[in-house]
């Protein structure tokens, strides 16, 4: 076997795939829930220009999960505590974009530094450390699935409650505030919801690549539609395709799930960007064409 064949076999291997597929039922269920949460929350992440906030929250979520791993307590709970703490600080102190970015720039290295410290002190399996950074959904067990589904239900319920006023406040905050919409309260509430969504994503794709589920699918959808109905629908479809496709491809390999998820997500975005550019060029050509007398 050549080196190229060995690398290819390591990345894509479907030996005993049918037997392995039966072992990831929980993973596929959790992935579907995460795709739904990530796709819907990502719509507001794009509308409110919060990709940097997602990354900042993920760093403190990583620190919380690392602390839980060190202490031998529930990792999902630690991840959620870290995410909510970061989201609360950003939401409370970062009302304006400039202030928000400054706060995030402070939180990110602090959270990452704490996470690295806790992992350095942890003497258990190295795979557990690596999984917090790059994801480990193929090993999701029943208790983790329960945590994921329960937290997903909370996020989805919260989004359903605030969807309409939050859409208004995200599209035109000044007009929304003038009409009595509690813009600041909605902003803080969404940051908390976003913190929960990030905590879910960190457990699946890891702290380093969380943007692939909470930003890229919605950004791809926004390239091909501005419809308030189609945008969240496509975002969810793209997120679910990314995570479920990543699980199925990673199942037969020794590679972590995150490269598969990010590659699928990026490919979808690239295709949508090309489609969006093509449609824009066609509209421009129609406008430039001389009208018949």
Protein backbone atom coordinates (compact mmCIF):
# COMPACT_ATOMS: atom_id res chain seq x y z
CA UNK A 1 0.00 0.00 0.00
CA UNK A 2 1.39 3.39 -0.98
CA UNK A 3 1.53 6.39 1.35
CA UNK A 4 -1.30 8.05 -0.58
CA UNK A 5 -3.45 4.92 -0.26
CA UNK A 6 -2.73 4.76 3.46
CA UNK A 7 -3.73 8.39 3.99
CA UNK A 8 -6.89 7.97 1.89
CA UNK A 9 -7.82 4.82 3.85
CA UNK A 10 -7.32 6.70 7.10
CA UNK A 11 -9.61 9.54 5.98
CA UNK A 12 -12.25 7.44 4.20
CA UNK A 13 -12.69 3.86 5.34
CA UNK A 14 -15.99 1.97 5.05
CA UNK A 15 -14.90 -1.41 6.36
CA UNK A 16 -17.56 -2.93 8.66
CA UNK A 17 -19.53 0.26 8.09
CA UNK A 18 -22.92 -1.39 8.65
CA UNK A 19 -21.89 -2.63 12.09
CA UNK A 20 -20.44 0.74 13.05
CA UNK A 21 -23.54 2.58 11.87
CA UNK A 22 -25.61 0.89 14.55
CA UNK A 23 -23.34 2.41 17.20
CA UNK A 24 -24.01 6.06 16.33
CA UNK A 25 -27.78 6.24 16.72
CA UNK A 26 -27.41 8.70 19.61
CA UNK A 27 -24.93 10.72 17.61
CA UNK A 28 -27.28 11.08 14.64
CA UNK A 29 -30.15 12.15 16.91
CA UNK A 30 -27.96 14.67 18.70
CA UNK A 31 -26.60 15.91 15.38
CA UNK A 32 -30.09 16.55 14.01
CA UNK A 33 -31.00 18.53 17.12
CA UNK A 34 -27.79 20.52 16.93
CA UNK A 35 -28.31 21.26 13.24
CA UNK A 36 -31.77 22.63 14.01
CA UNK A 37 -30.48 24.79 16.87
CA UNK A 38 -27.38 25.97 15.02
CA UNK A 39 -29.26 26.77 11.83
CA UNK A 40 -31.92 28.87 13.58
CA UNK A 41 -29.59 30.66 16.01
CA UNK A 42 -27.15 31.30 13.17
CA UNK A 43 -29.73 33.43 11.35
CA UNK A 44 -29.57 36.00 14.15
CA UNK A 45 -25.81 35.62 14.49
CA UNK A 46 -25.53 36.84 10.89
CA UNK A 47 -28.24 39.51 11.21
CA UNK A 48 -26.69 40.96 14.38
CA UNK A 49 -23.06 40.58 13.22
CA UNK A 50 -22.06 38.27 16.08
CA UNK A 51 -19.61 35.70 14.60
CA UNK A 52 -16.83 37.10 16.78
CA UNK A 53 -19.08 36.71 19.84
CA UNK A 54 -19.66 33.04 18.97
CA UNK A 55 -15.93 32.42 18.99
CA UNK A 56 -15.48 34.32 22.26
CA UNK A 57 -18.23 32.35 24.00
CA UNK A 58 -16.79 29.08 22.71
CA UNK A 59 -13.47 29.78 24.40
CA UNK A 60 -15.07 30.15 27.84
CA UNK A 61 -17.30 27.15 27.12
CA UNK A 62 -14.09 25.23 26.46
CA UNK A 63 -12.72 26.44 29.80
CA UNK A 64 -15.87 25.32 31.61
CA UNK A 65 -15.79 21.90 29.96
CA UNK A 66 -12.08 21.54 30.77
CA UNK A 67 -12.71 22.44 34.42
CA UNK A 68 -15.50 19.87 34.60
CA UNK A 69 -13.21 17.23 33.05
CA UNK A 70 -10.52 18.00 35.64
CA UNK A 71 -13.00 17.88 38.54
CA UNK A 72 -14.67 14.71 37.29
CA UNK A 73 -18.14 16.25 36.97
CA UNK A 74 -20.54 16.53 34.03
CA UNK A 75 -18.68 18.01 31.05
CA UNK A 76 -21.85 19.20 29.34
CA UNK A 77 -22.83 21.09 32.49
CA UNK A 78 -19.40 22.70 32.71
CA UNK A 79 -19.57 23.73 29.07
CA UNK A 80 -22.99 25.32 29.59
CA UNK A 81 -21.86 27.22 32.69
CA UNK A 82 -18.83 28.61 30.84
CA UNK A 83 -20.93 29.62 27.82
CA UNK A 84 -23.61 31.32 29.90
CA UNK A 85 -20.99 33.21 31.89
CA UNK A 86 -19.34 34.52 28.73
CA UNK A 87 -22.67 35.32 27.05
CA UNK A 88 -23.88 37.18 30.14
CA UNK A 89 -20.73 39.30 30.34
CA UNK A 90 -20.82 40.11 26.62
CA UNK A 91 -24.55 40.86 26.69
CA UNK A 92 -24.30 43.06 29.80
CA UNK A 93 -21.14 45.01 28.96
CA UNK A 94 -21.20 44.98 25.17
CA UNK A 95 -24.26 46.99 24.16
CA UNK A 96 -22.38 48.72 21.35
CA UNK A 97 -20.40 46.87 18.70
CA UNK A 98 -17.10 48.53 19.64
CA UNK A 99 -17.55 47.75 23.35
CA UNK A 100 -18.72 44.22 22.53
CA UNK A 101 -15.67 43.44 20.42
CA UNK A 102 -13.36 44.77 23.13
CA UNK A 103 -15.02 42.58 25.74
CA UNK A 104 -14.82 39.53 23.47
CA UNK A 105 -11.15 40.24 22.73
CA UNK A 106 -10.51 40.10 26.49
CA UNK A 107 -12.62 37.02 27.18
CA UNK A 108 -11.19 34.89 24.35
CA UNK A 109 -7.56 34.60 25.51
CA UNK A 110 -8.65 34.38 29.15
CA UNK A 111 -10.99 31.46 28.44
CA UNK A 112 -8.48 29.70 26.21
CA UNK A 113 -5.74 30.13 28.81
CA UNK A 114 -7.93 28.68 31.56
CA UNK A 115 -8.90 25.77 29.34
CA UNK A 116 -5.29 24.96 28.54
CA UNK A 117 -4.41 25.15 32.25
CA UNK A 118 -7.18 22.75 33.25
CA UNK A 119 -6.25 20.30 30.48
CA UNK A 120 -2.58 20.43 31.51
CA UNK A 121 -3.60 19.50 35.07
CA UNK A 122 -5.86 16.68 33.86
CA UNK A 123 -4.08 13.30 33.95
CA UNK A 124 -6.74 11.19 32.26
CA UNK A 125 -7.11 9.97 28.67
CA UNK A 126 -5.60 12.24 26.03
CA UNK A 127 -8.59 11.58 23.76
CA UNK A 128 -10.82 13.41 26.25
CA UNK A 129 -8.60 16.50 26.02
CA UNK A 130 -8.47 16.39 22.24
CA UNK A 131 -12.21 15.93 21.95
CA UNK A 132 -12.94 19.25 23.68
CA UNK A 133 -11.07 21.05 20.93
CA UNK A 134 -12.04 19.04 17.85
CA UNK A 135 -15.30 17.31 18.76
CA UNK A 136 -16.29 13.76 19.65
CA UNK A 137 -19.90 13.18 18.63
CA UNK A 138 -19.20 9.66 17.41
CA UNK A 139 -18.75 8.74 21.08
CA UNK A 140 -21.93 10.44 22.36
CA UNK A 141 -23.64 8.26 24.98
CA UNK A 142 -27.21 8.23 26.31
CA UNK A 143 -26.66 10.69 29.22
CA UNK A 144 -24.95 13.16 26.87
CA UNK A 145 -27.78 12.78 24.37
CA UNK A 146 -30.30 13.59 27.12
CA UNK A 147 -28.37 16.74 28.02
CA UNK A 148 -28.11 17.76 24.39
CA UNK A 149 -31.77 17.20 23.60
CA UNK A 150 -32.94 18.92 26.77
CA UNK A 151 -30.78 21.98 26.18
CA UNK A 152 -31.79 22.03 22.51
CA UNK A 153 -35.46 22.09 23.53
CA UNK A 154 -34.82 25.08 25.81
CA UNK A 155 -33.03 26.97 23.03
CA UNK A 156 -35.75 26.22 20.47
CA UNK A 157 -38.52 27.28 22.86
CA UNK A 158 -36.72 30.53 23.65
CA UNK A 159 -36.18 31.27 19.95
CA UNK A 160 -39.85 30.58 19.21
CA UNK A 161 -40.91 33.07 21.89
CA UNK A 162 -38.63 35.94 20.80
CA UNK A 163 -38.42 35.23 17.05
CA UNK A 164 -40.67 38.01 15.74
CA UNK A 165 -39.57 40.87 18.03
CA UNK A 166 -35.93 39.77 17.78
CA UNK A 167 -36.14 39.79 13.97
CA UNK A 168 -37.54 43.34 14.09
CA UNK A 169 -34.91 44.48 16.60
CA UNK A 170 -32.13 42.87 14.54
CA UNK A 171 -33.25 44.39 11.22
CA UNK A 172 -33.83 47.95 12.50
CA UNK A 173 -33.10 48.43 16.22
CA UNK A 174 -33.79 52.18 16.24
CA UNK A 175 -37.27 51.87 14.76
CA UNK A 176 -37.99 48.82 16.94
CA UNK A 177 -37.03 50.74 20.08
CA UNK A 178 -39.14 53.72 19.01
CA UNK A 179 -42.14 51.38 18.71
CA UNK A 180 -41.67 50.03 22.21
CA UNK A 181 -39.77 46.81 21.48
CA UNK A 182 -37.42 46.05 24.43
CA UNK A 183 -34.31 46.02 22.26
CA UNK A 184 -31.73 45.82 25.08
CA UNK A 185 -33.61 43.08 26.92
CA UNK A 186 -33.96 41.09 23.70
CA UNK A 187 -30.27 41.52 22.97
CA UNK A 188 -29.32 40.17 26.39
CA UNK A 189 -31.83 37.31 26.11
CA UNK A 190 -30.45 36.29 22.74
CA UNK A 191 -26.90 36.31 24.08
CA UNK A 192 -28.00 33.82 26.75
CA UNK A 193 -29.70 31.66 24.10
CA UNK A 194 -26.57 31.92 21.96
CA UNK A 195 -24.49 30.80 24.92
CA UNK A 196 -26.55 27.63 25.20
CA UNK A 197 -26.28 27.01 21.46
CA UNK A 198 -22.51 27.44 21.59
CA UNK A 199 -22.26 25.02 24.53
CA UNK A 200 -24.09 22.42 22.46
CA UNK A 201 -21.85 22.98 19.45
CA UNK A 202 -18.63 22.81 21.48
CA UNK A 203 -19.57 19.31 22.65
CA UNK A 204 -20.07 18.22 19.03
CA UNK A 205 -17.43 19.90 16.84
CA UNK A 206 -15.14 21.25 19.57
CA UNK A 207 -14.27 24.77 20.67
CA UNK A 208 -12.00 25.55 17.73
CA UNK A 209 -14.52 24.95 14.94
CA UNK A 210 -17.86 25.97 16.43
CA UNK A 211 -18.31 28.65 13.78
CA UNK A 212 -18.90 25.93 11.17
CA UNK A 213 -22.33 25.23 12.68
CA UNK A 214 -23.40 28.59 14.09
CA UNK A 215 -22.19 30.89 11.32
CA UNK A 216 -21.40 29.16 8.03
CA UNK A 217 -24.84 27.57 7.29
CA UNK A 218 -26.70 30.83 7.90
CA UNK A 219 -24.11 32.80 5.94
CA UNK A 220 -24.53 30.36 3.04
CA UNK A 221 -28.32 30.67 3.15
CA UNK A 222 -28.08 34.46 3.20
CA UNK A 223 -26.13 34.30 -0.07
CA UNK A 224 -29.04 32.78 -1.97
CA UNK A 225 -32.14 34.24 -0.30
CA UNK A 226 -33.37 37.13 1.82
CA UNK A 227 -36.79 35.57 2.44
CA UNK A 228 -37.70 35.52 6.16
CA UNK A 229 -39.08 32.02 5.62
CA UNK A 230 -36.51 30.47 3.29
CA UNK A 231 -33.48 31.91 5.10
CA UNK A 232 -33.94 29.99 8.40
CA UNK A 233 -35.20 26.93 6.52
CA UNK A 234 -32.12 26.73 4.30
CA UNK A 235 -29.84 27.52 7.22
CA UNK A 236 -31.24 24.55 9.15
CA UNK A 237 -30.98 22.26 6.10
CA UNK A 238 -27.35 23.26 5.54
CA UNK A 239 -26.46 22.81 9.22
CA UNK A 240 -28.11 19.39 9.42
CA UNK A 241 -26.41 18.25 6.20
CA UNK A 242 -23.04 19.38 7.57
CA UNK A 243 -23.31 17.65 10.93
CA UNK A 244 -25.00 14.45 9.78
CA UNK A 245 -22.68 14.16 6.78
CA UNK A 246 -19.71 14.73 9.07
CA UNK A 247 -20.85 11.96 11.40
CA UNK A 248 -21.35 9.46 8.59
CA UNK A 249 -18.00 10.23 6.97
CA UNK A 250 -16.06 10.24 10.25
CA UNK A 251 -17.58 6.95 11.35
CA UNK A 252 -15.30 4.75 9.30
CA UNK A 253 -12.10 6.72 9.84
CA UNK A 254 -9.65 7.54 12.60
CA UNK A 255 -9.99 11.28 11.97
CA UNK A 256 -12.03 13.52 14.34
CA UNK A 257 -15.42 14.65 13.13
CA UNK A 258 -14.60 18.37 12.87
CA UNK A 259 -12.68 18.32 9.53
CA UNK A 260 -15.60 16.57 7.83
CA UNK A 261 -18.20 18.98 9.25
CA UNK A 262 -16.18 22.06 8.36
CA UNK A 263 -15.40 20.80 4.85
CA UNK A 264 -19.06 20.06 4.07
CA UNK A 265 -20.15 23.37 5.58
CA UNK A 266 -17.54 25.33 3.63
CA UNK A 267 -18.41 23.55 0.38
CA UNK A 268 -22.07 24.48 0.81
CA UNK A 269 -21.09 28.08 1.48
CA UNK A 270 -18.82 28.21 -1.57
CA UNK A 271 -21.58 26.87 -3.83
CA UNK A 272 -24.12 29.32 -2.41
CA UNK A 273 -21.70 32.20 -2.83
CA UNK A 274 -21.18 31.31 -6.50
CA UNK A 275 -24.93 31.02 -7.02
CA UNK A 276 -25.50 34.35 -5.34
CA UNK A 277 -22.85 36.06 -7.46
CA UNK A 278 -24.32 34.54 -10.64
CA UNK A 279 -27.81 35.76 -9.76
CA UNK A 280 -26.50 39.25 -8.99
CA UNK A 281 -24.71 39.41 -12.33
CA UNK A 282 -27.87 38.32 -14.17
CA UNK A 283 -29.92 41.01 -12.42
CA UNK A 284 -27.32 43.60 -13.29
CA UNK A 285 -27.34 42.48 -16.93
CA UNK A 286 -31.14 42.76 -17.09
CA UNK A 287 -31.06 46.29 -15.69
CA UNK A 288 -28.33 47.32 -18.11
CA UNK A 289 -30.13 45.87 -21.16
CA UNK A 290 -31.95 48.48 -23.29
CA UNK A 291 -35.69 48.42 -22.89
CA UNK A 292 -37.85 47.96 -26.02
CA UNK A 293 -39.55 51.09 -27.26
